[in-house]
C-alpha atoms as a PDB file:
ATOM      1  CA  MET A   1       0.000   0.000   0.000  1.00  0.00           C
ATOM      2  CA  TYR A   2       1.032   3.584  -0.649  1.00  0.00           C
ATOM      3  CA  THR A   3       0.587   6.964   0.966  1.00  0.00           C
ATOM      4  CA  ILE A   4       0.174   9.799  -1.523  1.00  0.00           C
ATOM      5  CA  VAL A   5       1.227  13.262  -0.330  1.00  0.00           C
ATOM      6  CA  ILE A   6      -0.105  16.115  -2.463  1.00  0.00           C
ATOM      7  CA  ALA A   7       1.229  19.648  -2.072  1.00  0.00           C
ATOM      8  CA  ASN A   8      -1.453  22.196  -2.931  1.00  0.00           C
ATOM      9  CA  TYR A   9      -1.565  25.983  -3.091  1.00  0.00           C
ATOM     10  CA  ASN A  10      -4.946  27.512  -3.964  1.00  0.00           C
ATOM     11  CA  ARG A  11      -5.743  24.930  -6.658  1.00  0.00           C
ATOM     12  CA  VAL A  12      -9.191  23.465  -6.094  1.00  0.00           C
ATOM     13  CA  THR A  13     -10.050  22.429  -9.654  1.00  0.00           C
ATOM     14  CA  GLU A  14      -6.599  20.950 -10.278  1.00  0.00           C
ATOM     15  CA  LEU A  15      -6.681  19.041  -6.989  1.00  0.00           C
ATOM     16  CA  LYS A  16     -10.004  17.421  -7.864  1.00  0.00           C
ATOM     17  CA  ARG A  17      -8.585  16.387 -11.235  1.00  0.00           C
ATOM     18  CA  CYS A  18      -5.551  14.918  -9.450  1.00  0.00           C
ATOM     19  CA  LEU A  19      -7.791  12.954  -7.050  1.00  0.00           C
ATOM     20  CA  ASP A  20      -9.878  11.679  -9.967  1.00  0.00           C
ATOM     21  CA  SER A  21      -6.724  10.366 -11.660  1.00  0.00           C
ATOM     22  CA  ILE A  22      -5.622   8.621  -8.468  1.00  0.00           C
ATOM     23  CA  GLU A  23      -8.995   6.910  -8.183  1.00  0.00           C
ATOM     24  CA  VAL A  24      -8.708   5.588 -11.748  1.00  0.00           C
ATOM     25  CA  ALA A  25      -5.057   4.536 -11.392  1.00  0.00           C
ATOM     26  CA  PHE A  26      -5.753   2.554  -8.216  1.00  0.00           C
ATOM     27  CA  SER A  27      -8.993   0.955  -9.441  1.00  0.00           C
ATOM     28  CA  ASP A  28      -7.358  -2.520  -9.455  1.00  0.00           C
ATOM     29  CA  PHE A  29      -5.229  -1.934  -6.346  1.00  0.00           C
ATOM     30  CA  THR A  30      -5.717  -1.277  -2.651  1.00  0.00           C
ATOM     31  CA  LYS A  31      -6.952   2.248  -2.092  1.00  0.00           C
ATOM     32  CA  PRO A  32      -4.048   4.539  -1.090  1.00  0.00           C
ATOM     33  CA  GLU A  33      -3.885   6.831   1.889  1.00  0.00           C
ATOM     34  CA  ILE A  34      -4.087  10.407   0.556  1.00  0.00           C
ATOM     35  CA  ILE A  35      -2.654  13.325   2.519  1.00  0.00           C
ATOM     36  CA  VAL A  36      -3.256  16.787   1.085  1.00  0.00           C
ATOM     37  CA  VAL A  37      -1.054  19.577   2.449  1.00  0.00           C
ATOM     38  CA  GLU A  38      -2.541  23.014   1.883  1.00  0.00           C
ATOM     39  CA  ASP A  39       0.529  25.229   1.623  1.00  0.00           C
ATOM     40  CA  GLY A  40      -1.008  28.509   2.705  1.00  0.00           C
ATOM     41  CA  SER A  41      -4.166  27.981   0.611  1.00  0.00           C
ATOM     42  CA  LYS A  42      -7.079  30.329   1.249  1.00  0.00           C
ATOM     43  CA  THR A  43      -9.685  27.825   0.060  1.00  0.00           C
ATOM     44  CA  TRP A  44      -9.575  24.047  -0.126  1.00  0.00           C
ATOM     45  CA  LEU A  45     -11.464  21.080  -1.502  1.00  0.00           C
ATOM     46  CA  ASP A  46     -13.585  19.011   0.888  1.00  0.00           C
ATOM     47  CA  ASP A  47     -13.373  15.528  -0.624  1.00  0.00           C
ATOM     48  CA  PRO A  48     -14.034  12.171   1.104  1.00  0.00           C
ATOM     49  CA  ARG A  49     -11.156  10.573  -0.811  1.00  0.00           C
ATOM     50  CA  VAL A  50      -8.696  12.650   1.226  1.00  0.00           C
ATOM     51  CA  SER A  51      -7.546  10.697   4.295  1.00  0.00           C
ATOM     52  CA  GLN A  52      -5.919  13.680   6.008  1.00  0.00           C
ATOM     53  CA  HIS A  53      -6.003  17.371   5.207  1.00  0.00           C
ATOM     54  CA  LEU A  54      -3.165  19.461   6.652  1.00  0.00           C
ATOM     55  CA  HIS A  55      -3.340  23.244   6.635  1.00  0.00           C
ATOM     56  CA  LEU A  56      -0.122  25.271   6.773  1.00  0.00           C
ATOM     57  CA  LYS A  57      -0.768  28.910   7.626  1.00  0.00           C
ATOM     58  CA  ASN A  58       1.871  30.437   5.354  1.00  0.00           C
ATOM     59  CA  ASN A  59       3.096  29.315   1.942  1.00  0.00           C
ATOM     60  CA  GLY A  60       6.557  27.816   2.330  1.00  0.00           C
ATOM     61  CA  GLY A  61       7.046  25.942  -0.926  1.00  0.00           C
ATOM     62  CA  PRO A  62       6.244  22.378  -2.037  1.00  0.00           C
ATOM     63  CA  VAL A  63       9.335  20.748  -0.498  1.00  0.00           C
ATOM     64  CA  ARG A  64       8.396  21.881   2.991  1.00  0.00           C
ATOM     65  CA  ALA A  65       4.750  20.916   2.409  1.00  0.00           C
ATOM     66  CA  ARG A  66       5.651  17.412   1.243  1.00  0.00           C
ATOM     67  CA  LEU A  67       7.992  16.862   4.168  1.00  0.00           C
ATOM     68  CA  LYS A  68       5.279  17.982   6.591  1.00  0.00           C
ATOM     69  CA  GLY A  69       2.902  15.478   5.027  1.00  0.00           C
ATOM     70  CA  SER A  70       5.432  12.651   5.281  1.00  0.00           C
ATOM     71  CA  VAL A  71       5.291  12.844   9.073  1.00  0.00           C
ATOM     72  CA  PHE A  72       1.703  11.537   9.002  1.00  0.00           C
ATOM     73  CA  ALA A  73       2.182   8.798   6.389  1.00  0.00           C
ATOM     74  CA  SER A  74       1.092   5.317   7.476  1.00  0.00           C
ATOM     75  CA  HIS A  75       2.685   3.212   4.725  1.00  0.00           C
ATOM     76  CA  GLU A  76       6.225   2.265   3.705  1.00  0.00           C
ATOM     77  CA  TYR A  77       6.330   4.231   0.455  1.00  0.00           C
ATOM     78  CA  ILE A  78       5.125   7.758  -0.242  1.00  0.00           C
ATOM     79  CA  ILE A  79       4.167   8.953  -3.712  1.00  0.00           C
ATOM     80  CA  LEU A  80       4.861  12.684  -4.014  1.00  0.00           C
ATOM     81  CA  LEU A  81       2.545  14.712  -6.224  1.00  0.00           C
ATOM     82  CA  ASP A  82       1.659  18.321  -6.891  1.00  0.00           C
ATOM     83  CA  SER A  83      -2.016  19.167  -7.159  1.00  0.00           C
ATOM     84  CA  ASP A  84      -1.658  19.887 -10.883  1.00  0.00           C
ATOM     85  CA  ASP A  85      -0.137  16.449 -11.593  1.00  0.00           C
ATOM     86  CA  THR A  86      -2.346  13.595 -12.797  1.00  0.00           C
ATOM     87  CA  LEU A  87      -1.513   9.885 -12.694  1.00  0.00           C
ATOM     88  CA  LEU A  88      -1.706   7.887 -15.904  1.00  0.00           C
ATOM     89  CA  GLN A  89      -4.238   5.071 -15.928  1.00  0.00           C
ATOM     90  CA  ASP A  90      -1.552   2.347 -15.926  1.00  0.00           C
ATOM     91  CA  SER A  91       0.813   4.193 -13.575  1.00  0.00           C
ATOM     92  CA  ILE A  92       0.537   1.821 -10.616  1.00  0.00           C
ATOM     93  CA  ASN A  93       1.183  -1.201 -12.830  1.00  0.00           C
ATOM     94  CA  THR A  94       4.277   0.574 -14.110  1.00  0.00           C
ATOM     95  CA  ILE A  95       5.460   1.426 -10.603  1.00  0.00           C
ATOM     96  CA  GLU A  96       4.921  -2.109  -9.329  1.00  0.00           C
ATOM     97  CA  ASN A  97       6.775  -3.629 -12.300  1.00  0.00           C
ATOM     98  CA  VAL A  98       9.750  -1.282 -11.963  1.00  0.00           C
ATOM     99  CA  ARG A  99       9.989  -1.902  -8.231  1.00  0.00           C
ATOM    100  CA  ALA A 100       9.748  -5.678  -8.720  1.00  0.00           C
ATOM    101  CA  ASN A 101      12.624  -5.621 -11.228  1.00  0.00           C
ATOM    102  CA  ASN A 102      14.740  -3.155  -9.239  1.00  0.00           C
ATOM    103  CA  ARG A 103      14.500  -4.140  -5.605  1.00  0.00           C
ATOM    104  CA  GLY A 104      16.174  -2.570  -2.619  1.00  0.00           C
ATOM    105  CA  TYR A 105      15.972   1.124  -3.492  1.00  0.00           C
ATOM    106  CA  ASP A 106      14.873   3.843  -1.081  1.00  0.00           C
ATOM    107  CA  LEU A 107      13.691   6.194  -3.824  1.00  0.00           C
ATOM    108  CA  TYR A 108      12.191   5.570  -7.265  1.00  0.00           C
ATOM    109  CA  GLY A 109      11.715   8.302  -9.850  1.00  0.00           C
ATOM    110  CA  PHE A 110       9.361   8.213 -12.840  1.00  0.00           C
ATOM    111  CA  THR A 111       9.148  10.679 -15.691  1.00  0.00           C
ATOM    112  CA  PHE A 112       6.072  12.381 -17.137  1.00  0.00           C
ATOM    113  CA  LYS A 113       4.190  11.405 -20.304  1.00  0.00           C
ATOM    114  CA  GLY A 114       6.471  12.344 -23.187  1.00  0.00           C
ATOM    115  CA  GLY A 115       9.559  12.516 -21.000  1.00  0.00           C
ATOM    116  CA  GLU A 116      10.391   8.862 -21.585  1.00  0.00           C
ATOM    117  CA  SER A 117      11.512   9.742 -25.108  1.00  0.00           C
ATOM    118  CA  LEU A 118      14.141  12.107 -23.703  1.00  0.00           C
ATOM    119  CA  VAL A 119      16.055   9.786 -21.375  1.00  0.00           C
ATOM    120  CA  ASP A 120      17.164   6.252 -22.226  1.00  0.00           C
ATOM    121  CA  PHE A 121      19.152   5.333 -19.125  1.00  0.00           C
ATOM    122  CA  GLY A 122      18.485   4.384 -15.525  1.00  0.00           C
ATOM    123  CA  VAL A 123      19.987   6.509 -12.767  1.00  0.00           C
ATOM    124  CA  LYS A 124      21.302   4.491  -9.834  1.00  0.00           C
ATOM    125  CA  SER A 125      24.042   6.555  -8.153  1.00  0.00           C
ATOM    126  CA  ILE A 126      24.937  10.121  -7.280  1.00  0.00           C
ATOM    127  CA  HIS A 127      27.408  10.196 -10.169  1.00  0.00           C
ATOM    128  CA  GLU A 128      24.791   8.953 -12.645  1.00  0.00           C
ATOM    129  CA  TYR A 129      22.444  11.530 -11.130  1.00  0.00           C
ATOM    130  CA  CYS A 130      25.042  14.190 -11.959  1.00  0.00           C
ATOM    131  CA  ASP A 131      25.094  12.972 -15.558  1.00  0.00           C
ATOM    132  CA  PHE A 132      21.295  13.047 -15.595  1.00  0.00           C
ATOM    133  CA  VAL A 133      21.070  16.608 -14.257  1.00  0.00           C
ATOM    134  CA  LYS A 134      23.605  18.001 -16.738  1.00  0.00           C
ATOM    135  CA  PHE A 135      21.965  16.218 -19.691  1.00  0.00           C
ATOM    136  CA  GLU A 136      20.323  19.082 -21.626  1.00  0.00           C
ATOM    137  CA  GLY A 137      17.597  16.873 -23.089  1.00  0.00           C
ATOM    138  CA  ARG A 138      16.456  15.481 -19.740  1.00  0.00           C
ATOM    139  CA  PRO A 139      12.829  15.741 -18.625  1.00  0.00           C
ATOM    140  CA  SER A 140      12.140  18.792 -16.515  1.00  0.00           C
ATOM    141  CA  ASP A 141      10.476  16.863 -13.720  1.00  0.00           C
ATOM    142  CA  TYR A 142      10.146  13.426 -12.140  1.00  0.00           C
ATOM    143  CA  MET A 143       7.522  11.913  -9.849  1.00  0.00           C
ATOM    144  CA  MET A 144       9.155  10.508  -6.729  1.00  0.00           C
ATOM    145  CA  ILE A 145       8.273   7.476  -4.647  1.00  0.00           C
ATOM    146  CA  VAL A 146      10.274   7.525  -1.412  1.00  0.00           C
ATOM    147  CA  LYS A 147      10.378   5.364   1.674  1.00  0.00           C
ATOM    148  CA  SER A 148       8.559   7.268   4.389  1.00  0.00           C
ATOM    149  CA  ASP A 149      11.277   6.742   7.005  1.00  0.00           C
ATOM    150  CA  VAL A 150      13.870   8.108   4.560  1.00  0.00           C
ATOM    151  CA  LEU A 151      11.853  11.213   3.708  1.00  0.00           C
ATOM    152  CA  ARG A 152      11.234  11.981   7.377  1.00  0.00           C
ATOM    153  CA  LYS A 153      14.988  12.309   7.922  1.00  0.00           C
ATOM    154  CA  TYR A 154      14.868  15.606   6.016  1.00  0.00           C
ATOM    155  CA  VAL A 155      11.840  17.191   7.694  1.00  0.00           C
ATOM    156  CA  THR A 156      13.958  19.596   9.748  1.00  0.00           C
ATOM    157  CA  SER A 157      16.993  20.167   7.520  1.00  0.00           C
ATOM    158  CA  HIS A 158      15.009  20.795   4.322  1.00  0.00           C
ATOM    159  CA  ALA A 159      11.880  22.441   5.710  1.00  0.00           C
ATOM    160  CA  PHE A 160      12.461  25.646   3.745  1.00  0.00           C
ATOM    161  CA  ARG A 161      11.568  27.148   0.364  1.00  0.00           C
ATOM    162  CA  LEU A 162      14.024  24.982  -1.553  1.00  0.00           C
ATOM    163  CA  SER A 163      14.086  23.576  -5.034  1.00  0.00           C
ATOM    164  CA  GLU A 164      13.479  19.826  -5.144  1.00  0.00           C
ATOM    165  CA  ILE A 165      16.915  19.281  -6.690  1.00  0.00           C
ATOM    166  CA  TRP A 166      18.539  20.009  -3.322  1.00  0.00           C
ATOM    167  CA  LEU A 167      16.338  17.546  -1.449  1.00  0.00           C
ATOM    168  CA  PHE A 168      16.741  14.733  -3.958  1.00  0.00           C
ATOM    169  CA  SER A 169      20.490  15.281  -4.451  1.00  0.00           C
ATOM    170  CA  GLU A 170      20.942  14.913  -0.694  1.00  0.00           C
ATOM    171  CA  ILE A 171      18.879  11.708  -0.712  1.00  0.00           C
ATOM    172  CA  PHE A 172      20.961  10.414  -3.624  1.00  0.00           C
ATOM    173  CA  LYS A 173      24.166  11.022  -1.685  1.00  0.00           C
ATOM    174  CA  GLU A 174      22.983   9.022   1.324  1.00  0.00           C
ATOM    175  CA  HIS A 175      20.609   6.359  -0.047  1.00  0.00           C
ATOM    176  CA  ASN A 176      20.061   3.872  -2.866  1.00  0.00           C
ATOM    177  CA  CYS A 177      17.959   5.555  -5.547  1.00  0.00           C
ATOM    178  CA  PHE A 178      16.718   4.595  -8.991  1.00  0.00           C
ATOM    179  CA  TYR A 179      15.341   6.884 -11.711  1.00  0.00           C
ATOM    180  CA  SER A 180      13.359   4.996 -14.330  1.00  0.00           C
ATOM    181  CA  GLY A 181      12.737   6.089 -17.907  1.00  0.00           C
ATOM    182  CA  ARG A 182       9.119   4.924 -17.583  1.00  0.00           C
ATOM    183  CA  SER A 183       6.305   7.508 -17.477  1.00  0.00           C
ATOM    184  CA  THR A 184       3.602   7.465 -14.802  1.00  0.00           C
ATOM    185  CA  PHE A 185       1.996  10.914 -14.821  1.00  0.00           C
ATOM    186  CA  GLU A 186       1.163  14.042 -16.752  1.00  0.00           C
ATOM    187  CA  TYR A 187       3.042  17.146 -15.768  1.00  0.00           C
ATOM    188  CA  HIS A 188       1.303  20.497 -16.170  1.00  0.00           C
ATOM    189  CA  GLN A 189       4.066  23.038 -15.489  1.00  0.00           C
ATOM    190  CA  ASP A 190       7.288  24.097 -17.160  1.00  0.00           C
ATOM    191  CA  ALA A 191      10.116  23.721 -14.663  1.00  0.00           C
ATOM    192  CA  GLN A 192      12.417  25.749 -16.911  1.00  0.00           C
ATOM    193  CA  ILE A 193      10.570  28.866 -15.717  1.00  0.00           C
ATOM    194  CA  GLN A 194      12.179  28.267 -12.327  1.00  0.00           C
ATOM    195  CA  LEU A 195      15.602  29.012 -13.791  1.00  0.00           C
ATOM    196  CA  SER A 196      14.516  31.558 -16.374  1.00  0.00           C
ATOM    197  CA  LYS A 197      15.861  35.086 -16.414  1.00  0.00           C
ATOM    198  CA  ASN A 198      12.240  36.170 -16.810  1.00  0.00           C
ATOM    199  CA  ARG A 199      11.139  34.529 -13.562  1.00  0.00           C
ATOM    200  CA  ASP A 200       9.158  36.920 -11.366  1.00  0.00           C
ATOM    201  CA  TYR A 201      11.340  37.954  -8.429  1.00  0.00           C
ATOM    202  CA  LYS A 202      10.158  40.097  -5.514  1.00  0.00           C
ATOM    203  CA  LEU A 203      11.767  41.457  -2.389  1.00  0.00           C
ATOM    204  CA  LYS A 204      11.539  38.840   0.386  1.00  0.00           C
ATOM    205  CA  LEU A 205      12.878  40.220   3.611  1.00  0.00           C
ATOM    206  CA  GLY A 206      11.453  37.730   6.112  1.00  0.00           C
ATOM    207  CA  LYS A 207      13.620  35.448   8.246  1.00  0.00           C
ATOM    208  CA  TYR A 208      12.180  32.336   6.595  1.00  0.00           C
ATOM    209  CA  GLU A 209      13.110  33.576   3.121  1.00  0.00           C
ATOM    210  CA  ARG A 210      16.673  34.421   4.188  1.00  0.00           C
ATOM    211  CA  GLN A 211      17.056  30.994   5.778  1.00  0.00           C
ATOM    212  CA  SER A 212      15.719  29.396   2.607  1.00  0.00           C
ATOM    213  CA  VAL A 213      18.264  31.186   0.424  1.00  0.00           C
ATOM    214  CA  SER A 214      21.087  30.363   2.833  1.00  0.00           C
ATOM    215  CA  LYS A 215      20.126  26.661   2.788  1.00  0.00           C
ATOM    216  CA  SER A 216      19.848  26.663  -1.005  1.00  0.00           C
ATOM    217  CA  VAL A 217      23.354  28.103  -1.302  1.00  0.00           C
ATOM    218  CA  GLN A 218      24.706  25.437   1.070  1.00  0.00           C
ATOM    219  CA  TYR A 219      23.193  22.619  -0.996  1.00  0.00           C
ATOM    220  CA  PHE A 220      24.319  24.249  -4.247  1.00  0.00           C
ATOM    221  CA  LEU A 221      27.914  24.406  -3.007  1.00  0.00           C
ATOM    222  CA  SER A 222      27.719  20.828  -1.740  1.00  0.00           C
ATOM    223  CA  PHE A 223      26.277  19.487  -4.985  1.00  0.00           C
ATOM    224  CA  THR A 224      28.640  21.343  -7.305  1.00  0.00           C
ATOM    225  CA  SER A 225      31.595  20.028  -5.294  1.00  0.00           C
ATOM    226  CA  ILE A 226      30.547  16.548  -6.467  1.00  0.00           C
ATOM    227  CA  CYS A 227      29.041  17.346  -9.869  1.00  0.00           C
ATOM    228  CA  LYS A 228      31.358  19.641 -11.792  1.00  0.00           C
ATOM    229  CA  PHE A 229      29.702  20.939 -14.941  1.00  0.00           C
ATOM    230  CA  HIS A 230      28.969  24.361 -16.393  1.00  0.00           C
ATOM    231  CA  THR A 231      25.255  24.233 -17.233  1.00  0.00           C
ATOM    232  CA  LEU A 232      23.922  23.718 -13.716  1.00  0.00           C
ATOM    233  CA  ASP A 233      26.540  26.001 -12.225  1.00  0.00           C
ATOM    234  CA  LYS A 234      25.624  28.899 -14.511  1.00  0.00           C
ATOM    235  CA  ALA A 235      21.834  28.539 -14.139  1.00  0.00           C
ATOM    236  CA  TRP A 236      21.800  28.122 -10.370  1.00  0.00           C
ATOM    237  CA  ARG A 237      24.480  30.724  -9.735  1.00  0.00           C
ATOM    238  CA  ARG A 238      22.319  33.266 -11.593  1.00  0.00           C
ATOM    239  CA  ARG A 239      19.201  32.295  -9.669  1.00  0.00           C
ATOM    240  CA  LEU A 240      20.853  32.274  -6.239  1.00  0.00           C
ATOM    241  CA  ILE A 241      22.563  35.622  -6.826  1.00  0.00           C
ATOM    242  CA  LYS A 242      19.166  37.162  -7.539  1.00  0.00           C
ATOM    243  CA  GLU A 243      17.527  35.513  -4.534  1.00  0.00           C
ATOM    244  CA  SER A 244      20.368  36.532  -2.201  1.00  0.00           C
ATOM    245  CA  ILE A 245      20.052  40.152  -3.321  1.00  0.00           C
ATOM    246  CA  LEU A 246      16.280  40.197  -2.931  1.00  0.00           C
ATOM    247  CA  CYS A 247      16.568  38.765   0.583  1.00  0.00           C
ATOM    248  CA  LEU A 248      19.461  41.095   1.443  1.00  0.00           C
ATOM    249  CA  ASP A 249      21.515  38.031   2.395  1.00  0.00           C
ATOM    250  CA  ILE A 250      25.032  39.361   1.843  1.00  0.00           C
ATOM    251  CA  LYS A 251      26.784  36.268   3.241  1.00  0.00           C
ATOM    252  CA  SER A 252      25.011  33.956   0.788  1.00  0.00           C
ATOM    253  CA  LEU A 253      25.599  36.399  -2.059  1.00  0.00           C
ATOM    254  CA  LEU A 254      29.360  36.455  -1.416  1.00  0.00           C
ATOM    255  CA  GLU A 255      29.489  32.660  -1.160  1.00  0.00           C
ATOM    256  CA  VAL A 256      27.872  32.287  -4.585  1.00  0.00           C
ATOM    257  CA  ILE A 257      29.907  35.042  -6.258  1.00  0.00           C
ATOM    258  CA  CYS A 258      33.216  33.889  -4.816  1.00  0.00           C
ATOM    259  CA  LEU A 259      32.731  30.220  -5.695  1.00  0.00           C
ATOM    260  CA  LYS A 260      35.424  29.200  -8.145  1.00  0.00           C
ATOM    261  CA  ARG A 261      33.871  28.686 -11.553  1.00  0.00           C
ATOM    262  CA  LEU A 262      33.793  25.084 -12.686  1.00  0.00           C
END
């Protein structure tokens, strides 16, 4: 059995569509536990298919929301979804088959519909993960299935507004992980916007935002010390410089600027 943790922020229609897809995908399997984490949402969907509904007062980003939800998971594996993701009809069959043929991993990753044509290799180590991340044709997002006891290890250290790459790179460094080229869901956002020069940036002067930037810089420095390649370095350096400035975090700004270019 699985626990599904869904991070949601003011998306009622999308969340219902996500729940509908889960119901279809699990029609031939044991019904999953569904935990919806409202990440500062002003309104939310009252749906009997939701096992637990958590309400976070302030929006802190999907990583923090998912980690909060993991604390209440009852089953060994957690499927992580955003409210605008939808499972494919045969997704659970795919997941079960991949797990059966690749036993002993703490994390399994599955690409979105269409993403399977972009990657033709499995990712089983931090070094292969580095190759995956720097591969320009890689899918922009993966759906993660993580052991609940593994995910809970990061509830405190990663409970900030971080990009998922920093959470999953840390898991890869410490645990056995496997990224499959099989697709299990439809993805409804463009992750490239997150690194775009046109991304909407605003002044964020709160303590939480400064801590989030500081943590992001720490994980960036840690990851680039292992994975030395220009593409990620350039994109994330640009993003973290902007975020450090907007949070007035001079220490983080200097750390990013002074990092020796790879």
